[in-house]
């Protein structure tokens, strides 16, 4: 506890069981937040969160993520989600159908390395605009490198969904 007070960072203390009036037990996550220091006096806040509620929220989020994945795989287009650095976080199953890459093969790679050099700078500029101006949506015809090493003409659309807690990325829609 002294470490978080000294560093000013929040600290997860533990799971604490509390006995209710009816003798049942409720488990809480216990988190300490240092607020201020005045001389030798340290002001802190203690957050108690019912673990069961946290687990329900986590389960609900997992179900929403699975639903999102299922919905994204319904479209005939390829849907790719990248982070702010352009690293692929998710790719729909249609990537294999249309371009030969297994849907997990490109996860963790830089998404723009599959774009023809003549378009790379324009696509990267579009990406920066989409990232920095969430209302801006980019739309451009490009050459995309398929798994066989051939270039294919596709339409690339970029949409900022970094503010969406479920997506938390920039969506790239690739249409043949």
N, C-alpha and C. Protein backbone atom coordinates (compact mmCIF):
# COMPACT_ATOMS: atom_id res chain seq x y z
N UNK A 1 0.83 -1.19 0.00
CA UNK A 1 0.00 0.00 0.00
C UNK A 1 0.87 1.25 0.00
N UNK A 2 1.98 1.24 0.74
CA UNK A 2 2.85 2.41 0.77
C UNK A 2 3.42 2.72 -0.61
N UNK A 3 3.68 1.67 -1.41
CA UNK A 3 4.24 1.89 -2.74
C UNK A 3 3.30 2.73 -3.60
N UNK A 4 2.01 2.43 -3.62
CA UNK A 4 1.08 3.21 -4.45
C UNK A 4 0.92 4.62 -3.90
N UNK A 5 1.02 4.77 -2.61
CA UNK A 5 0.92 6.11 -2.03
C UNK A 5 2.13 6.95 -2.44
N UNK A 6 3.28 6.31 -2.53
CA UNK A 6 4.49 7.05 -2.88
C UNK A 6 4.58 7.34 -4.38
N UNK A 7 4.10 6.42 -5.22
CA UNK A 7 4.23 6.61 -6.67
C UNK A 7 3.05 7.36 -7.25
N UNK A 8 1.96 7.45 -6.53
CA UNK A 8 0.78 8.15 -7.04
C UNK A 8 -0.04 7.31 -8.00
N UNK A 9 0.23 6.00 -8.08
CA UNK A 9 -0.50 5.12 -8.99
C UNK A 9 -1.55 4.33 -8.23
N UNK A 10 -2.62 3.98 -8.94
CA UNK A 10 -3.64 3.14 -8.31
C UNK A 10 -3.08 1.75 -8.10
N UNK A 11 -3.58 1.08 -7.08
CA UNK A 11 -3.05 -0.23 -6.74
C UNK A 11 -4.20 -1.17 -6.43
N UNK A 12 -4.20 -2.33 -7.08
CA UNK A 12 -5.16 -3.38 -6.78
C UNK A 12 -4.67 -4.07 -5.52
N UNK A 13 -5.49 -4.05 -4.47
CA UNK A 13 -5.06 -4.63 -3.20
C UNK A 13 -5.36 -6.12 -3.13
N UNK A 14 -6.61 -6.49 -3.32
CA UNK A 14 -6.95 -7.91 -3.24
C UNK A 14 -8.45 -8.08 -3.42
N UNK A 15 -8.85 -9.32 -3.37
CA UNK A 15 -10.27 -9.63 -3.30
C UNK A 15 -10.60 -9.79 -1.82
N UNK A 16 -11.60 -9.04 -1.38
CA UNK A 16 -11.97 -9.08 0.03
C UNK A 16 -13.37 -9.64 0.20
N UNK A 17 -13.53 -10.65 1.06
CA UNK A 17 -14.87 -11.15 1.35
C UNK A 17 -15.50 -10.34 2.49
N UNK A 18 -16.76 -9.99 2.34
CA UNK A 18 -17.51 -9.31 3.39
C UNK A 18 -18.75 -10.13 3.71
N UNK A 19 -19.02 -10.24 5.02
CA UNK A 19 -20.20 -10.97 5.46
C UNK A 19 -21.38 -10.00 5.53
N UNK A 20 -22.47 -10.36 4.85
CA UNK A 20 -23.67 -9.54 4.83
C UNK A 20 -24.51 -9.79 6.07
N UNK A 21 -25.52 -8.96 6.30
CA UNK A 21 -26.41 -9.11 7.46
C UNK A 21 -27.09 -10.47 7.48
N UNK A 22 -27.40 -11.00 6.30
CA UNK A 22 -28.08 -12.30 6.24
C UNK A 22 -27.08 -13.47 6.31
N UNK A 23 -25.84 -13.18 6.65
CA UNK A 23 -24.76 -14.15 6.81
C UNK A 23 -24.18 -14.66 5.48
N UNK A 24 -24.69 -14.19 4.35
CA UNK A 24 -24.08 -14.56 3.07
C UNK A 24 -22.79 -13.75 2.91
N UNK A 25 -21.94 -14.18 2.00
CA UNK A 25 -20.66 -13.51 1.78
C UNK A 25 -20.63 -12.92 0.38
N UNK A 26 -20.18 -11.67 0.29
CA UNK A 26 -19.99 -10.99 -1.00
C UNK A 26 -18.52 -10.67 -1.14
N UNK A 27 -17.95 -11.04 -2.30
CA UNK A 27 -16.53 -10.75 -2.55
C UNK A 27 -16.40 -9.44 -3.33
N UNK A 28 -15.43 -8.63 -2.94
CA UNK A 28 -15.19 -7.34 -3.58
C UNK A 28 -13.76 -7.27 -4.11
N UNK A 29 -13.59 -6.60 -5.26
CA UNK A 29 -12.27 -6.15 -5.68
C UNK A 29 -11.98 -4.91 -4.87
N UNK A 30 -10.78 -4.78 -4.35
CA UNK A 30 -10.41 -3.63 -3.54
C UNK A 30 -9.27 -2.89 -4.25
N UNK A 31 -9.52 -1.62 -4.63
CA UNK A 31 -8.54 -0.82 -5.37
C UNK A 31 -8.30 0.48 -4.63
N UNK A 32 -7.04 0.82 -4.44
CA UNK A 32 -6.64 2.02 -3.71
C UNK A 32 -6.19 3.09 -4.71
N UNK A 33 -6.71 4.31 -4.54
CA UNK A 33 -6.34 5.45 -5.39
C UNK A 33 -5.76 6.55 -4.52
N UNK A 34 -4.47 6.86 -4.66
CA UNK A 34 -3.91 8.01 -3.93
C UNK A 34 -4.47 9.30 -4.54
N UNK A 35 -4.91 10.23 -3.72
CA UNK A 35 -5.49 11.47 -4.22
C UNK A 35 -4.56 12.67 -4.03
N UNK A 36 -4.04 12.85 -2.82
CA UNK A 36 -3.22 14.03 -2.55
C UNK A 36 -2.36 13.78 -1.32
N UNK A 37 -1.32 14.58 -1.20
CA UNK A 37 -0.46 14.53 -0.02
C UNK A 37 -0.33 15.94 0.51
N UNK A 38 -0.65 16.13 1.80
CA UNK A 38 -0.48 17.41 2.48
C UNK A 38 0.43 17.17 3.67
N UNK A 39 1.70 17.52 3.52
CA UNK A 39 2.66 17.25 4.60
C UNK A 39 2.81 15.76 4.76
N UNK A 40 2.57 15.28 6.00
CA UNK A 40 2.65 13.85 6.28
C UNK A 40 1.33 13.14 6.08
N UNK A 41 0.27 13.89 5.74
CA UNK A 41 -1.05 13.30 5.58
C UNK A 41 -1.29 12.95 4.12
N UNK A 42 -1.68 11.70 3.91
CA UNK A 42 -1.97 11.24 2.55
C UNK A 42 -3.46 10.98 2.43
N UNK A 43 -4.06 11.56 1.38
CA UNK A 43 -5.49 11.38 1.14
C UNK A 43 -5.64 10.28 0.09
N UNK A 44 -6.49 9.30 0.39
CA UNK A 44 -6.69 8.17 -0.53
C UNK A 44 -8.18 7.93 -0.73
N UNK A 45 -8.47 7.22 -1.80
CA UNK A 45 -9.84 6.75 -2.05
C UNK A 45 -9.75 5.23 -2.20
N UNK A 46 -10.75 4.56 -1.72
CA UNK A 46 -10.80 3.11 -1.80
C UNK A 46 -12.04 2.74 -2.59
N UNK A 47 -11.85 1.99 -3.67
CA UNK A 47 -12.98 1.54 -4.49
C UNK A 47 -13.22 0.07 -4.19
N UNK A 48 -14.46 -0.25 -3.85
CA UNK A 48 -14.86 -1.63 -3.66
C UNK A 48 -15.85 -1.97 -4.78
N UNK A 49 -15.52 -2.98 -5.54
CA UNK A 49 -16.38 -3.37 -6.65
C UNK A 49 -16.76 -4.83 -6.45
N UNK A 50 -18.05 -5.13 -6.54
CA UNK A 50 -18.50 -6.51 -6.35
C UNK A 50 -17.94 -7.36 -7.50
N UNK A 51 -17.22 -8.39 -7.16
CA UNK A 51 -16.56 -9.24 -8.15
C UNK A 51 -17.57 -9.86 -9.09
N UNK A 52 -18.70 -10.29 -8.59
CA UNK A 52 -19.72 -10.91 -9.43
C UNK A 52 -20.16 -9.96 -10.55
N UNK A 53 -20.30 -8.67 -10.22
CA UNK A 53 -20.68 -7.69 -11.24
C UNK A 53 -19.58 -7.54 -12.28
N UNK A 54 -18.31 -7.53 -11.84
CA UNK A 54 -17.19 -7.44 -12.78
C UNK A 54 -17.18 -8.64 -13.71
N UNK A 55 -17.39 -9.83 -13.16
CA UNK A 55 -17.40 -11.03 -13.97
C UNK A 55 -18.56 -11.02 -14.97
N UNK A 56 -19.72 -10.50 -14.54
CA UNK A 56 -20.85 -10.38 -15.46
C UNK A 56 -20.53 -9.41 -16.59
N UNK A 57 -19.88 -8.29 -16.25
CA UNK A 57 -19.49 -7.31 -17.28
C UNK A 57 -18.49 -7.92 -18.26
N UNK A 58 -17.52 -8.66 -17.75
CA UNK A 58 -16.53 -9.30 -18.61
C UNK A 58 -17.20 -10.31 -19.54
N UNK A 59 -18.13 -11.10 -18.99
CA UNK A 59 -18.85 -12.09 -19.79
C UNK A 59 -19.69 -11.40 -20.86
N UNK A 60 -20.35 -10.32 -20.47
CA UNK A 60 -21.16 -9.55 -21.42
C UNK A 60 -20.29 -9.00 -22.54
N UNK A 61 -19.11 -8.48 -22.21
CA UNK A 61 -18.20 -7.94 -23.22
C UNK A 61 -17.72 -9.05 -24.16
N UNK A 62 -17.43 -10.22 -23.63
CA UNK A 62 -17.01 -11.35 -24.46
C UNK A 62 -18.11 -11.74 -25.44
N UNK A 63 -19.36 -11.75 -24.96
CA UNK A 63 -20.49 -12.08 -25.83
C UNK A 63 -20.66 -11.03 -26.92
N UNK A 64 -20.48 -9.74 -26.57
CA UNK A 64 -20.59 -8.67 -27.57
C UNK A 64 -19.48 -8.78 -28.60
N UNK A 65 -18.27 -9.11 -28.15
CA UNK A 65 -17.15 -9.26 -29.09
C UNK A 65 -17.39 -10.42 -30.04
N UNK A 66 -17.96 -11.51 -29.55
CA UNK A 66 -18.27 -12.65 -30.41
C UNK A 66 -19.35 -12.28 -31.41
N UNK A 67 -20.37 -11.54 -30.97
CA UNK A 67 -21.43 -11.08 -31.86
C UNK A 67 -20.85 -10.18 -32.95
N UNK A 68 -19.99 -9.24 -32.55
CA UNK A 68 -19.36 -8.36 -33.53
C UNK A 68 -18.57 -9.17 -34.55
N UNK A 69 -17.80 -10.13 -34.09
CA UNK A 69 -17.02 -10.97 -35.00
C UNK A 69 -17.94 -11.73 -35.95
N UNK A 70 -19.03 -12.29 -35.43
CA UNK A 70 -19.99 -13.01 -36.26
C UNK A 70 -20.61 -12.09 -37.30
N UNK A 71 -20.98 -10.88 -36.91
CA UNK A 71 -21.59 -9.93 -37.84
C UNK A 71 -20.59 -9.50 -38.93
N UNK A 72 -19.35 -9.26 -38.53
CA UNK A 72 -18.35 -8.85 -39.50
C UNK A 72 -18.07 -9.95 -40.52
N UNK A 73 -18.25 -11.19 -40.13
CA UNK A 73 -18.02 -12.30 -41.05
C UNK A 73 -19.21 -12.56 -41.97
N UNK A 74 -20.33 -11.86 -41.76
CA UNK A 74 -21.50 -12.02 -42.63
C UNK A 74 -21.34 -11.28 -43.96
N UNK A 75 -20.58 -10.22 -43.97
CA UNK A 75 -20.42 -9.43 -45.19
C UNK A 75 -19.50 -10.15 -46.17
N UNK A 76 -19.66 -9.86 -47.46
CA UNK A 76 -18.80 -10.45 -48.47
C UNK A 76 -17.47 -9.71 -48.57
N UNK A 77 -17.40 -8.51 -47.99
CA UNK A 77 -16.16 -7.73 -47.99
C UNK A 77 -15.21 -8.28 -46.94
N UNK A 78 -13.97 -7.85 -47.01
CA UNK A 78 -12.99 -8.17 -45.97
C UNK A 78 -13.01 -7.01 -44.98
N UNK A 79 -13.14 -7.33 -43.71
CA UNK A 79 -13.08 -6.32 -42.65
C UNK A 79 -11.82 -6.59 -41.83
N UNK A 80 -11.00 -5.57 -41.72
CA UNK A 80 -9.77 -5.65 -40.93
C UNK A 80 -9.82 -4.52 -39.90
N UNK A 81 -9.44 -4.81 -38.68
CA UNK A 81 -9.35 -3.78 -37.64
C UNK A 81 -7.89 -3.65 -37.26
N UNK A 82 -7.40 -2.40 -37.31
CA UNK A 82 -6.01 -2.12 -36.95
C UNK A 82 -5.98 -1.15 -35.77
N UNK A 83 -4.87 -1.15 -35.04
CA UNK A 83 -4.72 -0.19 -33.95
C UNK A 83 -4.18 1.13 -34.50
N UNK A 84 -3.86 2.05 -33.63
CA UNK A 84 -3.41 3.39 -34.06
C UNK A 84 -2.07 3.36 -34.79
N UNK A 85 -1.32 2.28 -34.65
CA UNK A 85 -0.04 2.16 -35.35
C UNK A 85 -0.19 1.39 -36.67
N UNK A 86 -1.41 0.91 -36.97
CA UNK A 86 -1.64 0.17 -38.20
C UNK A 86 -1.41 -1.33 -38.07
N UNK A 87 -1.25 -1.83 -36.85
CA UNK A 87 -1.05 -3.26 -36.61
C UNK A 87 -2.41 -3.96 -36.63
N UNK A 88 -2.50 -5.06 -37.36
CA UNK A 88 -3.76 -5.78 -37.52
C UNK A 88 -4.14 -6.49 -36.23
N UNK A 89 -5.36 -6.19 -35.75
CA UNK A 89 -5.89 -6.80 -34.53
C UNK A 89 -6.92 -7.88 -34.84
N UNK A 90 -7.65 -7.69 -35.94
CA UNK A 90 -8.73 -8.60 -36.32
C UNK A 90 -8.84 -8.62 -37.84
N UNK A 91 -9.20 -9.78 -38.37
CA UNK A 91 -9.44 -9.87 -39.81
C UNK A 91 -10.58 -10.86 -40.03
N UNK A 92 -11.53 -10.50 -40.87
CA UNK A 92 -12.67 -11.38 -41.13
C UNK A 92 -12.24 -12.58 -41.97
N UNK A 93 -13.08 -13.59 -41.93
CA UNK A 93 -12.78 -14.85 -42.62
C UNK A 93 -12.68 -14.69 -44.13
N UNK A 94 -13.29 -13.64 -44.68
CA UNK A 94 -13.26 -13.45 -46.13
C UNK A 94 -11.88 -13.11 -46.67
N UNK A 95 -10.93 -12.80 -45.81
CA UNK A 95 -9.57 -12.53 -46.28
C UNK A 95 -9.04 -13.76 -47.01
N UNK A 96 -9.34 -14.95 -46.49
CA UNK A 96 -8.86 -16.17 -47.14
C UNK A 96 -9.60 -16.41 -48.46
N UNK A 97 -10.90 -16.22 -48.44
CA UNK A 97 -11.73 -16.44 -49.63
C UNK A 97 -11.30 -15.53 -50.78
N UNK A 98 -11.05 -14.25 -50.50
CA UNK A 98 -10.76 -13.29 -51.56
C UNK A 98 -9.29 -13.11 -51.88
N UNK A 99 -8.41 -13.25 -50.87
CA UNK A 99 -7.00 -12.91 -51.08
C UNK A 99 -6.03 -14.01 -50.67
N UNK A 100 -6.54 -15.13 -50.14
CA UNK A 100 -5.69 -16.28 -49.85
C UNK A 100 -5.06 -16.34 -48.47
N UNK A 101 -5.12 -15.26 -47.69
CA UNK A 101 -4.51 -15.27 -46.36
C UNK A 101 -5.48 -15.87 -45.35
N UNK A 102 -4.98 -16.78 -44.52
CA UNK A 102 -5.77 -17.28 -43.40
C UNK A 102 -6.08 -16.11 -42.49
N UNK A 103 -7.28 -16.09 -41.89
CA UNK A 103 -7.71 -14.91 -41.14
C UNK A 103 -6.78 -14.56 -39.97
N UNK A 104 -6.03 -15.52 -39.45
CA UNK A 104 -5.11 -15.21 -38.35
C UNK A 104 -3.67 -15.00 -38.82
N UNK A 105 -3.40 -15.24 -40.10
CA UNK A 105 -2.04 -15.17 -40.63
C UNK A 105 -1.45 -13.76 -40.55
N UNK A 106 -2.28 -12.75 -40.74
CA UNK A 106 -1.77 -11.37 -40.76
C UNK A 106 -1.92 -10.66 -39.42
N UNK A 107 -2.59 -11.27 -38.45
CA UNK A 107 -2.76 -10.65 -37.13
C UNK A 107 -1.38 -10.34 -36.55
N UNK A 108 -1.22 -9.10 -36.06
CA UNK A 108 0.04 -8.69 -35.47
C UNK A 108 1.03 -8.10 -36.47
N UNK A 109 0.66 -8.09 -37.75
CA UNK A 109 1.54 -7.50 -38.76
C UNK A 109 1.07 -6.09 -39.11
N UNK A 110 1.93 -5.35 -39.77
CA UNK A 110 1.60 -3.99 -40.20
C UNK A 110 0.69 -4.09 -41.41
N UNK A 111 -0.52 -3.60 -41.29
CA UNK A 111 -1.55 -3.78 -42.31
C UNK A 111 -1.25 -3.15 -43.65
N UNK A 112 -0.39 -2.14 -43.68
CA UNK A 112 -0.18 -1.43 -44.93
C UNK A 112 0.99 -1.97 -45.74
N UNK A 113 1.62 -3.04 -45.25
CA UNK A 113 2.72 -3.63 -46.02
C UNK A 113 2.20 -4.44 -47.20
N UNK A 114 0.88 -4.63 -47.28
CA UNK A 114 0.26 -5.39 -48.36
C UNK A 114 -0.29 -4.48 -49.46
N UNK A 115 0.07 -3.21 -49.40
CA UNK A 115 -0.42 -2.21 -50.35
C UNK A 115 0.72 -1.86 -51.30
N UNK A 116 0.39 -1.72 -52.59
CA UNK A 116 1.41 -1.41 -53.61
C UNK A 116 2.16 -0.14 -53.24
N UNK A 117 3.47 -0.13 -53.45
CA UNK A 117 4.29 1.03 -53.10
C UNK A 117 3.76 2.34 -53.69
N UNK A 118 3.18 2.30 -54.87
CA UNK A 118 2.70 3.54 -55.48
C UNK A 118 1.53 4.16 -54.70
N UNK A 119 0.84 3.37 -53.88
CA UNK A 119 -0.31 3.86 -53.11
C UNK A 119 -0.01 4.03 -51.63
N UNK A 120 1.11 3.50 -51.17
CA UNK A 120 1.39 3.46 -49.73
C UNK A 120 1.32 4.82 -49.06
N UNK A 121 1.95 5.84 -49.64
CA UNK A 121 1.98 7.16 -49.00
C UNK A 121 0.58 7.76 -48.92
N UNK A 122 -0.21 7.64 -49.98
CA UNK A 122 -1.57 8.19 -49.98
C UNK A 122 -2.45 7.47 -48.95
N UNK A 123 -2.31 6.14 -48.88
CA UNK A 123 -3.10 5.37 -47.91
C UNK A 123 -2.68 5.73 -46.49
N UNK A 124 -1.38 5.88 -46.27
CA UNK A 124 -0.89 6.26 -44.94
C UNK A 124 -1.38 7.66 -44.57
N UNK A 125 -1.38 8.59 -45.52
CA UNK A 125 -1.91 9.94 -45.26
C UNK A 125 -3.39 9.88 -44.90
N UNK A 126 -4.15 9.06 -45.65
CA UNK A 126 -5.58 8.86 -45.34
C UNK A 126 -5.73 8.32 -43.92
N UNK A 127 -4.89 7.34 -43.58
CA UNK A 127 -4.95 6.71 -42.26
C UNK A 127 -4.73 7.74 -41.16
N UNK A 128 -3.75 8.61 -41.33
CA UNK A 128 -3.47 9.65 -40.33
C UNK A 128 -4.66 10.60 -40.19
N UNK A 129 -5.29 10.96 -41.31
CA UNK A 129 -6.47 11.84 -41.26
C UNK A 129 -7.61 11.15 -40.53
N UNK A 130 -7.85 9.88 -40.86
CA UNK A 130 -8.93 9.12 -40.21
C UNK A 130 -8.66 9.00 -38.72
N UNK A 131 -7.41 8.75 -38.37
CA UNK A 131 -7.03 8.59 -36.96
C UNK A 131 -7.21 9.90 -36.19
N UNK A 132 -6.82 11.00 -36.79
CA UNK A 132 -6.83 12.29 -36.09
C UNK A 132 -8.14 13.06 -36.21
N UNK A 133 -8.95 12.75 -37.18
CA UNK A 133 -10.24 13.41 -37.40
C UNK A 133 -11.30 12.33 -37.54
N UNK A 134 -11.86 11.85 -36.42
CA UNK A 134 -12.77 10.70 -36.43
C UNK A 134 -13.95 10.80 -37.41
N UNK A 135 -14.39 11.99 -37.76
CA UNK A 135 -15.51 12.11 -38.70
C UNK A 135 -15.07 11.87 -40.15
N UNK A 136 -13.77 11.96 -40.41
CA UNK A 136 -13.25 11.77 -41.77
C UNK A 136 -13.24 10.28 -42.11
N UNK A 137 -13.74 9.94 -43.29
CA UNK A 137 -13.73 8.57 -43.77
C UNK A 137 -12.99 8.55 -45.11
N UNK A 138 -12.01 7.68 -45.22
CA UNK A 138 -11.20 7.62 -46.44
C UNK A 138 -11.73 6.53 -47.36
N UNK A 139 -11.59 6.75 -48.66
CA UNK A 139 -12.08 5.83 -49.68
C UNK A 139 -11.12 5.93 -50.86
N UNK A 140 -10.47 4.82 -51.23
CA UNK A 140 -9.46 4.90 -52.28
C UNK A 140 -9.32 3.54 -52.98
N UNK A 141 -9.13 3.57 -54.32
CA UNK A 141 -8.82 2.35 -55.05
C UNK A 141 -7.31 2.13 -54.95
N UNK A 142 -6.93 0.90 -54.61
CA UNK A 142 -5.51 0.57 -54.44
C UNK A 142 -5.23 -0.79 -55.05
N UNK A 143 -3.94 -1.13 -55.15
CA UNK A 143 -3.51 -2.48 -55.49
C UNK A 143 -3.12 -3.18 -54.20
N UNK A 144 -3.71 -4.36 -54.00
CA UNK A 144 -3.51 -5.13 -52.77
C UNK A 144 -2.78 -6.42 -53.12
N UNK A 145 -1.78 -6.78 -52.33
CA UNK A 145 -0.97 -7.97 -52.57
C UNK A 145 -1.67 -9.20 -52.01
N UNK A 146 -2.04 -10.15 -52.88
CA UNK A 146 -2.66 -11.38 -52.38
C UNK A 146 -1.57 -12.38 -51.98
N UNK A 147 -1.98 -13.49 -51.40
CA UNK A 147 -1.02 -14.47 -50.89
C UNK A 147 -0.17 -15.08 -52.00
N UNK A 148 -0.71 -15.13 -53.22
CA UNK A 148 0.04 -15.69 -54.35
C UNK A 148 1.09 -14.72 -54.90
N UNK A 149 1.16 -13.51 -54.33
CA UNK A 149 2.14 -12.54 -54.80
C UNK A 149 1.66 -11.66 -55.93
N UNK A 150 0.37 -11.73 -56.26
CA UNK A 150 -0.20 -10.91 -57.33
C UNK A 150 -0.90 -9.68 -56.75
N UNK A 151 -0.90 -8.61 -57.53
CA UNK A 151 -1.58 -7.39 -57.12
C UNK A 151 -3.01 -7.42 -57.64
N UNK A 152 -3.96 -7.08 -56.76
CA UNK A 152 -5.38 -7.05 -57.12
C UNK A 152 -5.93 -5.64 -56.85
N UNK A 153 -6.76 -5.15 -57.76
CA UNK A 153 -7.42 -3.86 -57.55
C UNK A 153 -8.54 -4.06 -56.53
N UNK A 154 -8.53 -3.22 -55.49
CA UNK A 154 -9.58 -3.25 -54.47
C UNK A 154 -9.93 -1.82 -54.08
N UNK A 155 -11.07 -1.67 -53.42
CA UNK A 155 -11.45 -0.40 -52.82
C UNK A 155 -11.18 -0.53 -51.33
N UNK A 156 -10.42 0.41 -50.79
CA UNK A 156 -10.12 0.43 -49.36
C UNK A 156 -10.85 1.60 -48.72
N UNK A 157 -11.69 1.29 -47.74
CA UNK A 157 -12.36 2.32 -46.95
C UNK A 157 -11.80 2.24 -45.54
N UNK A 158 -11.57 3.43 -44.94
CA UNK A 158 -11.04 3.49 -43.58
C UNK A 158 -12.00 4.31 -42.72
N UNK A 159 -12.36 3.77 -41.56
CA UNK A 159 -13.28 4.44 -40.64
C UNK A 159 -12.71 4.35 -39.23
N UNK A 160 -12.70 5.48 -38.53
CA UNK A 160 -12.20 5.54 -37.16
C UNK A 160 -13.27 5.06 -36.19
N UNK A 161 -12.99 3.96 -35.52
CA UNK A 161 -13.87 3.45 -34.46
C UNK A 161 -13.07 3.25 -33.18
N UNK A 162 -12.06 4.10 -32.99
CA UNK A 162 -11.25 4.02 -31.77
C UNK A 162 -12.09 4.33 -30.53
N UNK A 163 -13.10 5.16 -30.68
CA UNK A 163 -13.94 5.53 -29.55
C UNK A 163 -14.99 4.49 -29.20
N UNK A 164 -15.15 3.47 -30.02
CA UNK A 164 -16.11 2.41 -29.76
C UNK A 164 -15.41 1.34 -28.92
N UNK A 165 -15.88 1.13 -27.69
CA UNK A 165 -15.18 0.22 -26.78
C UNK A 165 -15.13 -1.21 -27.29
N UNK A 166 -16.06 -1.60 -28.11
CA UNK A 166 -16.08 -2.95 -28.64
C UNK A 166 -15.07 -3.12 -29.77
N UNK A 167 -14.95 -2.13 -30.64
CA UNK A 167 -14.04 -2.20 -31.78
C UNK A 167 -12.65 -1.70 -31.39
N UNK A 168 -12.59 -0.51 -30.83
CA UNK A 168 -11.35 0.11 -30.36
C UNK A 168 -10.23 0.02 -31.40
N UNK A 169 -10.55 0.46 -32.62
CA UNK A 169 -9.56 0.43 -33.67
C UNK A 169 -10.05 1.19 -34.88
N UNK A 170 -9.27 1.14 -35.93
CA UNK A 170 -9.65 1.73 -37.20
C UNK A 170 -10.04 0.58 -38.11
N UNK A 171 -11.25 0.69 -38.66
CA UNK A 171 -11.79 -0.39 -39.49
C UNK A 171 -11.40 -0.13 -40.94
N UNK A 172 -10.83 -1.16 -41.55
CA UNK A 172 -10.49 -1.13 -42.97
C UNK A 172 -11.43 -2.10 -43.69
N UNK A 173 -12.19 -1.58 -44.64
CA UNK A 173 -13.11 -2.41 -45.41
C UNK A 173 -12.51 -2.55 -46.79
N UNK A 174 -12.21 -3.79 -47.18
CA UNK A 174 -11.57 -4.08 -48.46
C UNK A 174 -12.60 -4.75 -49.36
N UNK A 175 -12.91 -4.11 -50.49
CA UNK A 175 -13.92 -4.62 -51.42
C UNK A 175 -13.26 -4.88 -52.76
N UNK A 176 -13.52 -6.05 -53.32
CA UNK A 176 -12.98 -6.38 -54.65
C UNK A 176 -13.70 -5.61 -55.71
